Amino acid sequence: MKILVRNLDRSTTEAELLALFEASGSVQSCTIVNDKETGLSKGFGFVEMPKPGDSKAAIKSLNGKQVGGNKIRVKKADQ
């Protein structure tokens, strides 16, 4: 399942995002979207988890969590 993570602190790294989601299960991929011109984070990213149960657990446990000073929003990504 592909998961959208919004309202990330601009300094959050892919490694930090990966560590957050690995607590709920195996992660297939983890990407933070960066601005093409500046290379800086746009404040959102995507995480793919192969097991639907792990994905749902991650969404439930991480939505609204404080990460790097921001309250992140986590939901299933629209494909």
PDB file of N, CA and C in Angstrom:
ATOM      1  N   MET A   1       0.846  -1.180   0.000  1.00  0.00           N
ATOM      2  CA  MET A   1       0.000   0.000   0.000  1.00  0.00           C
ATOM      3  C   MET A   1       0.887   1.236   0.000  1.00  0.00           C
ATOM      4  N   LYS A   2       0.517   2.207  -0.814  1.00  0.00           N
ATOM      5  CA  LYS A   2       1.260   3.456  -0.868  1.00  0.00           C
ATOM      6  C   LYS A   2       0.625   4.444   0.111  1.00  0.00           C
ATOM      7  N   ILE A   3       1.474   5.064   0.934  1.00  0.00           N
ATOM      8  CA  ILE A   3       1.021   5.961   1.995  1.00  0.00           C
ATOM      9  C   ILE A   3       1.579   7.362   1.738  1.00  0.00           C
ATOM     10  N   LEU A   4       0.712   8.360   1.876  1.00  0.00           N
ATOM     11  CA  LEU A   4       1.106   9.762   1.739  1.00  0.00           C
ATOM     12  C   LEU A   4       1.375  10.325   3.128  1.00  0.00           C
ATOM     13  N   VAL A   5       2.513  10.986   3.268  1.00  0.00           N
ATOM     14  CA  VAL A   5       2.884  11.614   4.545  1.00  0.00           C
ATOM     15  C   VAL A   5       3.043  13.110   4.273  1.00  0.00           C
ATOM     16  N   ARG A   6       2.175  13.914   4.918  1.00  0.00           N
ATOM     17  CA  ARG A   6       2.185  15.357   4.680  1.00  0.00           C
ATOM     18  C   ARG A   6       2.592  16.110   5.938  1.00  0.00           C
ATOM     19  N   ASN A   7       2.923  17.390   5.728  1.00  0.00           N
ATOM     20  CA  ASN A   7       3.298  18.311   6.809  1.00  0.00           C
ATOM     21  C   ASN A   7       4.598  17.895   7.498  1.00  0.00           C
ATOM     22  N   LEU A   8       5.516  17.334   6.719  1.00  0.00           N
ATOM     23  CA  LEU A   8       6.831  16.985   7.263  1.00  0.00           C
ATOM     24  C   LEU A   8       7.652  18.244   7.483  1.00  0.00           C
ATOM     25  N   ASP A   9       8.435  18.258   8.547  1.00  0.00           N
ATOM     26  CA  ASP A   9       9.405  19.321   8.750  1.00  0.00           C
ATOM     27  C   ASP A   9      10.375  19.269   7.574  1.00  0.00           C
ATOM     28  N   ARG A  10      10.763  20.427   7.059  1.00  0.00           N
ATOM     29  CA  ARG A  10      11.624  20.480   5.861  1.00  0.00           C
ATOM     30  C   ARG A  10      12.994  19.826   6.088  1.00  0.00           C
ATOM     31  N   SER A  11      13.384  19.644   7.345  1.00  0.00           N
ATOM     32  CA  SER A  11      14.688  19.036   7.627  1.00  0.00           C
ATOM     33  C   SER A  11      14.610  17.516   7.839  1.00  0.00           C
ATOM     34  N   THR A  12      13.404  16.949   7.792  1.00  0.00           N
ATOM     35  CA  THR A  12      13.244  15.500   7.977  1.00  0.00           C
ATOM     36  C   THR A  12      13.900  14.760   6.818  1.00  0.00           C
ATOM     37  N   THR A  13      14.678  13.733   7.133  1.00  0.00           N
ATOM     38  CA  THR A  13      15.369  12.964   6.098  1.00  0.00           C
ATOM     39  C   THR A  13      14.588  11.682   5.767  1.00  0.00           C
ATOM     40  N   GLU A  14      14.931  11.086   4.624  1.00  0.00           N
ATOM     41  CA  GLU A  14      14.296   9.819   4.248  1.00  0.00           C
ATOM     42  C   GLU A  14      14.627   8.731   5.265  1.00  0.00           C
ATOM     43  N   ALA A  15      15.839   8.760   5.827  1.00  0.00           N
ATOM     44  CA  ALA A  15      16.234   7.768   6.832  1.00  0.00           C
ATOM     45  C   ALA A  15      15.354   7.890   8.081  1.00  0.00           C
ATOM     46  N   GLU A  16      15.040   9.109   8.493  1.00  0.00           N
ATOM     47  CA  GLU A  16      14.176   9.324   9.667  1.00  0.00           C
ATOM     48  C   GLU A  16      12.755   8.852   9.381  1.00  0.00           C
ATOM     49  N   LEU A  17      12.268   9.145   8.182  1.00  0.00           N
ATOM     50  CA  LEU A  17      10.923   8.718   7.790  1.00  0.00           C
ATOM     51  C   LEU A  17      10.849   7.195   7.727  1.00  0.00           C
ATOM     52  N   LEU A  18      11.876   6.588   7.164  1.00  0.00           N
ATOM     53  CA  LEU A  18      11.954   5.127   7.079  1.00  0.00           C
ATOM     54  C   LEU A  18      11.916   4.503   8.473  1.00  0.00           C
ATOM     55  N   ALA A  19      12.679   5.055   9.405  1.00  0.00           N
ATOM     56  CA  ALA A  19      12.728   4.522  10.770  1.00  0.00           C
ATOM     57  C   ALA A  19      11.357   4.608  11.445  1.00  0.00           C
ATOM     58  N   LEU A  20      10.615   5.691  11.210  1.00  0.00           N
ATOM     59  CA  LEU A  20       9.271   5.839  11.782  1.00  0.00           C
ATOM     60  C   LEU A  20       8.358   4.702  11.330  1.00  0.00           C
ATOM     61  N   PHE A  21       8.383   4.412  10.026  1.00  0.00           N
ATOM     62  CA  PHE A  21       7.463   3.423   9.469  1.00  0.00           C
ATOM     63  C   PHE A  21       7.924   1.981   9.711  1.00  0.00           C
ATOM     64  N   GLU A  22       9.225   1.760   9.815  1.00  0.00           N
ATOM     65  CA  GLU A  22       9.723   0.403  10.067  1.00  0.00           C
ATOM     66  C   GLU A  22       9.278  -0.126  11.426  1.00  0.00           C
ATOM     67  N   ALA A  23       8.911   0.767  12.330  1.00  0.00           N
ATOM     68  CA  ALA A  23       8.401   0.345  13.637  1.00  0.00           C
ATOM     69  C   ALA A  23       7.072  -0.403  13.488  1.00  0.00           C
ATOM     70  N   SER A  24       6.364  -0.171  12.371  1.00  0.00           N
ATOM     71  CA  SER A  24       5.070  -0.829  12.131  1.00  0.00           C
ATOM     72  C   SER A  24       5.163  -2.030  11.203  1.00  0.00           C
ATOM     73  N   GLY A  25       6.317  -2.242  10.574  1.00  0.00           N
ATOM     74  CA  GLY A  25       6.473  -3.382   9.660  1.00  0.00           C
ATOM     75  C   GLY A  25       7.487  -3.102   8.574  1.00  0.00           C
ATOM     76  N   SER A  26       7.553  -4.000   7.605  1.00  0.00           N
ATOM     77  CA  SER A  26       8.551  -3.852   6.535  1.00  0.00           C
ATOM     78  C   SER A  26       8.146  -2.739   5.567  1.00  0.00           C
ATOM     79  N   VAL A  27       9.150  -2.013   5.094  1.00  0.00           N
ATOM     80  CA  VAL A  27       8.946  -0.890   4.178  1.00  0.00           C
ATOM     81  C   VAL A  27       9.599  -1.232   2.845  1.00  0.00           C
ATOM     82  N   GLN A  28       8.818  -1.091   1.780  1.00  0.00           N
ATOM     83  CA  GLN A  28       9.306  -1.393   0.434  1.00  0.00           C
ATOM     84  C   GLN A  28      10.091  -0.220  -0.131  1.00  0.00           C
ATOM     85  N   SER A  29       9.560   1.004   0.050  1.00  0.00           N
ATOM     86  CA  SER A  29      10.259   2.201  -0.415  1.00  0.00           C
ATOM     87  C   SER A  29       9.832   3.406   0.418  1.00  0.00           C
ATOM     88  N   CYS A  30      10.690   4.421   0.399  1.00  0.00           N
ATOM     89  CA  CYS A  30      10.453   5.625   1.184  1.00  0.00           C
ATOM     90  C   CYS A  30      11.069   6.799   0.421  1.00  0.00           C
ATOM     91  N   THR A  31      10.252   7.806   0.086  1.00  0.00           N
ATOM     92  CA  THR A  31      10.738   8.934  -0.706  1.00  0.00           C
ATOM     93  C   THR A  31      10.178  10.237  -0.167  1.00  0.00           C
ATOM     94  N   ILE A  32      11.038  11.231   0.008  1.00  0.00           N
ATOM     95  CA  ILE A  32      10.596  12.584   0.328  1.00  0.00           C
ATOM     96  C   ILE A  32      10.694  13.381  -0.972  1.00  0.00           C
ATOM     97  N   VAL A  33       9.642  14.120  -1.287  1.00  0.00           N
ATOM     98  CA  VAL A  33       9.601  14.887  -2.533  1.00  0.00           C
ATOM     99  C   VAL A  33      10.363  16.194  -2.346  1.00  0.00           C
ATOM    100  N   ASN A  34      11.301  16.441  -3.275  1.00  0.00           N
ATOM    101  CA  ASN A  34      12.126  17.648  -3.221  1.00  0.00           C
ATOM    102  C   ASN A  34      11.812  18.570  -4.391  1.00  0.00           C
ATOM    103  N   ASP A  35      11.994  19.873  -4.174  1.00  0.00           N
ATOM    104  CA  ASP A  35      11.836  20.870  -5.226  1.00  0.00           C
ATOM    105  C   ASP A  35      12.939  20.670  -6.265  1.00  0.00           C
ATOM    106  N   LYS A  36      12.576  20.682  -7.538  1.00  0.00           N
ATOM    107  CA  LYS A  36      13.562  20.428  -8.595  1.00  0.00           C
ATOM    108  C   LYS A  36      14.616  21.518  -8.682  1.00  0.00           C
ATOM    109  N   GLU A  37      14.227  22.766  -8.427  1.00  0.00           N
ATOM    110  CA  GLU A  37      15.170  23.878  -8.562  1.00  0.00           C
ATOM    111  C   GLU A  37      16.093  24.022  -7.357  1.00  0.00           C
ATOM    112  N   THR A  38      15.532  23.934  -6.153  1.00  0.00           N
ATOM    113  CA  THR A  38      16.335  24.182  -4.945  1.00  0.00           C
ATOM    114  C   THR A  38      16.877  22.903  -4.318  1.00  0.00           C
ATOM    115  N   GLY A  39      16.241  21.765  -4.601  1.00  0.00           N
ATOM    116  CA  GLY A  39      16.651  20.509  -3.988  1.00  0.00           C
ATOM    117  C   GLY A  39      16.165  20.353  -2.556  1.00  0.00           C
ATOM    118  N   LEU A  40      15.397  21.336  -2.072  1.00  0.00           N
ATOM    119  CA  LEU A  40      14.889  21.296  -0.697  1.00  0.00           C
ATOM    120  C   LEU A  40      13.574  20.520  -0.631  1.00  0.00           C
ATOM    121  N   SER A  41      13.301  19.958   0.527  1.00  0.00           N
ATOM    122  CA  SER A  41      12.079  19.189   0.750  1.00  0.00           C
ATOM    123  C   SER A  41      10.847  20.054   0.541  1.00  0.00           C
ATOM    124  N   LYS A  42       9.820  19.469  -0.072  1.00  0.00           N
ATOM    125  CA  LYS A  42       8.536  20.159  -0.229  1.00  0.00           C
ATOM    126  C   LYS A  42       7.617  19.900   0.956  1.00  0.00           C
ATOM    127  N   GLY A  43       8.065  19.081   1.914  1.00  0.00           N
ATOM    128  CA  GLY A  43       7.284  18.858   3.123  1.00  0.00           C
ATOM    129  C   GLY A  43       6.330  17.679   3.063  1.00  0.00           C
ATOM    130  N   PHE A  44       6.496  16.839   2.034  1.00  0.00           N
ATOM    131  CA  PHE A  44       5.682  15.622   1.980  1.00  0.00           C
ATOM    132  C   PHE A  44       6.470  14.510   1.320  1.00  0.00           C
ATOM    133  N   GLY A  45       5.966  13.280   1.501  1.00  0.00           N
ATOM    134  CA  GLY A  45       6.646  12.133   0.918  1.00  0.00           C
ATOM    135  C   GLY A  45       5.714  10.942   0.841  1.00  0.00           C
ATOM    136  N   PHE A  46       6.270   9.854   0.322  1.00  0.00           N
ATOM    137  CA  PHE A  46       5.502   8.625   0.155  1.00  0.00           C
ATOM    138  C   PHE A  46       6.269   7.454   0.749  1.00  0.00           C
ATOM    139  N   VAL A  47       5.516   6.536   1.349  1.00  0.00           N
ATOM    140  CA  VAL A  47       6.090   5.310   1.896  1.00  0.00           C
ATOM    141  C   VAL A  47       5.267   4.162   1.336  1.00  0.00           C
ATOM    142  N   GLU A  48       5.936   3.107   0.849  1.00  0.00           N
ATOM    143  CA  GLU A  48       5.218   1.925   0.378  1.00  0.00           C
ATOM    144  C   GLU A  48       5.516   0.769   1.312  1.00  0.00           C
ATOM    145  N   MET A  49       4.441   0.116   1.765  1.00  0.00           N
ATOM    146  CA  MET A  49       4.562  -1.038   2.646  1.00  0.00           C
ATOM    147  C   MET A  49       3.836  -2.206   1.979  1.00  0.00           C
ATOM    148  N   PRO A  50       4.499  -3.364   1.862  1.00  0.00           N
ATOM    149  CA  PRO A  50       3.900  -4.489   1.135  1.00  0.00           C
ATOM    150  C   PRO A  50       2.701  -5.146   1.821  1.00  0.00           C
ATOM    151  N   LYS A  51       2.644  -5.094   3.145  1.00  0.00           N
ATOM    152  CA  LYS A  51       1.552  -5.770   3.862  1.00  0.00           C
ATOM    153  C   LYS A  51       0.477  -4.763   4.266  1.00  0.00           C
ATOM    154  N   PRO A  52      -0.781  -4.971   3.803  1.00  0.00           N
ATOM    155  CA  PRO A  52      -1.869  -4.039   4.141  1.00  0.00           C
ATOM    156  C   PRO A  52      -2.071  -3.852   5.641  1.00  0.00           C
ATOM    157  N   GLY A  53      -1.915  -4.909   6.425  1.00  0.00           N
ATOM    158  CA  GLY A  53      -2.083  -4.798   7.874  1.00  0.00           C
ATOM    159  C   GLY A  53      -1.050  -3.867   8.490  1.00  0.00           C
ATOM    160  N   ASP A  54       0.195  -3.977   8.031  1.00  0.00           N
ATOM    161  CA  ASP A  54       1.263  -3.093   8.523  1.00  0.00           C
ATOM    162  C   ASP A  54       0.977  -1.647   8.128  1.00  0.00           C
ATOM    163  N   SER A  55       0.493  -1.478   6.895  1.00  0.00           N
ATOM    164  CA  SER A  55       0.185  -0.129   6.398  1.00  0.00           C
ATOM    165  C   SER A  55      -0.887   0.533   7.244  1.00  0.00           C
ATOM    166  N   LYS A  56      -1.949  -0.208   7.525  1.00  0.00           N
ATOM    167  CA  LYS A  56      -3.049   0.344   8.314  1.00  0.00           C
ATOM    168  C   LYS A  56      -2.591   0.664   9.734  1.00  0.00           C
ATOM    169  N   ALA A  57      -1.752  -0.190  10.306  1.00  0.00           N
ATOM    170  CA  ALA A  57      -1.223   0.056  11.654  1.00  0.00           C
ATOM    171  C   ALA A  57      -0.350   1.310  11.669  1.00  0.00           C
ATOM    172  N   ALA A  58       0.463   1.495  10.625  1.00  0.00           N
ATOM    173  CA  ALA A  58       1.334   2.671  10.543  1.00  0.00           C
ATOM    174  C   ALA A  58       0.503   3.944  10.423  1.00  0.00           C
ATOM    175  N   ILE A  59      -0.525   3.911   9.570  1.00  0.00           N
ATOM    176  CA  ILE A  59      -1.384   5.083   9.394  1.00  0.00           C
ATOM    177  C   ILE A  59      -2.046   5.448  10.725  1.00  0.00           C
ATOM    178  N   LYS A  60      -2.582   4.442  11.394  1.00  0.00           N
ATOM    179  CA  LYS A  60      -3.287   4.682  12.658  1.00  0.00           C
ATOM    180  C   LYS A  60      -2.347   5.234  13.733  1.00  0.00           C
ATOM    181  N   SER A  61      -1.147   4.679  13.836  1.00  0.00           N
ATOM    182  CA  SER A  61      -0.239   5.086  14.910  1.00  0.00           C
ATOM    183  C   SER A  61       0.514   6.390  14.613  1.00  0.00           C
ATOM    184  N   LEU A  62       0.724   6.719  13.335  1.00  0.00           N
ATOM    185  CA  LEU A  62       1.549   7.883  13.007  1.00  0.00           C
ATOM    186  C   LEU A  62       0.763   9.140  12.631  1.00  0.00           C
ATOM    187  N   ASN A  63      -0.495   8.999  12.226  1.00  0.00           N
ATOM    188  CA  ASN A  63      -1.279  10.182  11.852  1.00  0.00           C
ATOM    189  C   ASN A  63      -1.455  11.083  13.073  1.00  0.00           C
ATOM    190  N   GLY A  64      -1.028  12.343  12.936  1.00  0.00           N
ATOM    191  CA  GLY A  64      -1.131  13.296  14.039  1.00  0.00           C
ATOM    192  C   GLY A  64       0.055  13.310  14.972  1.00  0.00           C
ATOM    193  N   LYS A  65       1.048  12.473  14.720  1.00  0.00           N
ATOM    194  CA  LYS A  65       2.237  12.394  15.580  1.00  0.00           C
ATOM    195  C   LYS A  65       3.148  13.608  15.348  1.00  0.00           C
ATOM    196  N   GLN A  66       3.751  14.093  16.437  1.00  0.00           N
ATOM    197  CA  GLN A  66       4.713  15.186  16.339  1.00  0.00           C
ATOM    198  C   GLN A  66       6.045  14.628  15.837  1.00  0.00           C
ATOM    199  N   VAL A  67       6.517  15.145  14.715  1.00  0.00           N
ATOM    200  CA  VAL A  67       7.810  14.728  14.157  1.00  0.00           C
ATOM    201  C   VAL A  67       8.562  15.991  13.737  1.00  0.00           C
ATOM    202  N   GLY A  68       9.701  16.218  14.355  1.00  0.00           N
ATOM    203  CA  GLY A  68      10.511  17.383  13.999  1.00  0.00           C
ATOM    204  C   GLY A  68       9.796  18.709  14.185  1.00  0.00           C
ATOM    205  N   GLY A  69       8.919  18.801  15.182  1.00  0.00           N
ATOM    206  CA  GLY A  69       8.226  20.053  15.444  1.00  0.00           C
ATOM    207  C   GLY A  69       6.907  20.211  14.697  1.00  0.00           C
ATOM    208  N   ASN A  70       6.598  19.299  13.775  1.00  0.00           N
ATOM    209  CA  ASN A  70       5.340  19.367  13.030  1.00  0.00           C
ATOM    210  C   ASN A  70       4.464  18.163  13.340  1.00  0.00           C
ATOM    211  N   LYS A  71       3.158  18.377  13.290  1.00  0.00           N
ATOM    212  CA  LYS A  71       2.207  17.280  13.450  1.00  0.00           C
ATOM    213  C   LYS A  71       1.952  16.721  12.056  1.00  0.00           C
ATOM    214  N   ILE A  72       2.471  15.502  11.780  1.00  0.00           N
ATOM    215  CA  ILE A  72       2.351  14.958  10.430  1.00  0.00           C
ATOM    216  C   ILE A  72       0.947  14.388  10.179  1.00  0.00           C
ATOM    217  N   ARG A  73       0.568  14.364   8.893  1.00  0.00           N
ATOM    218  CA  ARG A  73      -0.698  13.766   8.485  1.00  0.00           C
ATOM    219  C   ARG A  73      -0.365  12.567   7.600  1.00  0.00           C
ATOM    220  N   VAL A  74      -0.931  11.432   7.952  1.00  0.00           N
ATOM    221  CA  VAL A  74      -0.618  10.185   7.266  1.00  0.00           C
ATOM    222  C   VAL A  74      -1.917   9.548   6.770  1.00  0.00           C
ATOM    223  N   LYS A  75      -1.980   9.205   5.491  1.00  0.00           N
ATOM    224  CA  LYS A  75      -3.163   8.551   4.936  1.00  0.00           C
ATOM    225  C   LYS A  75      -2.790   7.724   3.713  1.00  0.00           C
ATOM    226  N   LYS A  76      -3.707   6.862   3.297  1.00  0.00           N
ATOM    227  CA  LYS A  76      -3.496   6.071   2.097  1.00  0.00           C
ATOM    228  C   LYS A  76      -3.416   7.024   0.908  1.00  0.00           C
ATOM    229  N   ALA A  77      -2.412   6.827   0.058  1.00  0.00           N
ATOM    230  CA  ALA A  77      -2.229   7.700  -1.104  1.00  0.00           C
ATOM    231  C   ALA A  77      -3.245   7.349  -2.192  1.00  0.00           C
ATOM    232  N   ASP A  78      -3.755   8.369  -2.857  1.00  0.00           N
ATOM    233  CA  ASP A  78      -4.608   8.153  -4.020  1.00  0.00           C
ATOM    234  C   ASP A  78      -3.706   7.711  -5.162  1.00  0.00           C
ATOM    235  N   GLN A  79      -4.034   6.584  -5.753  1.00  0.00           N
ATOM    236  CA  GLN A  79      -3.145   6.051  -6.795  1.00  0.00           C
ATOM    237  C   GLN A  79      -3.321   6.798  -8.075  1.00  0.00           C
TER     238      GLN A  79
END
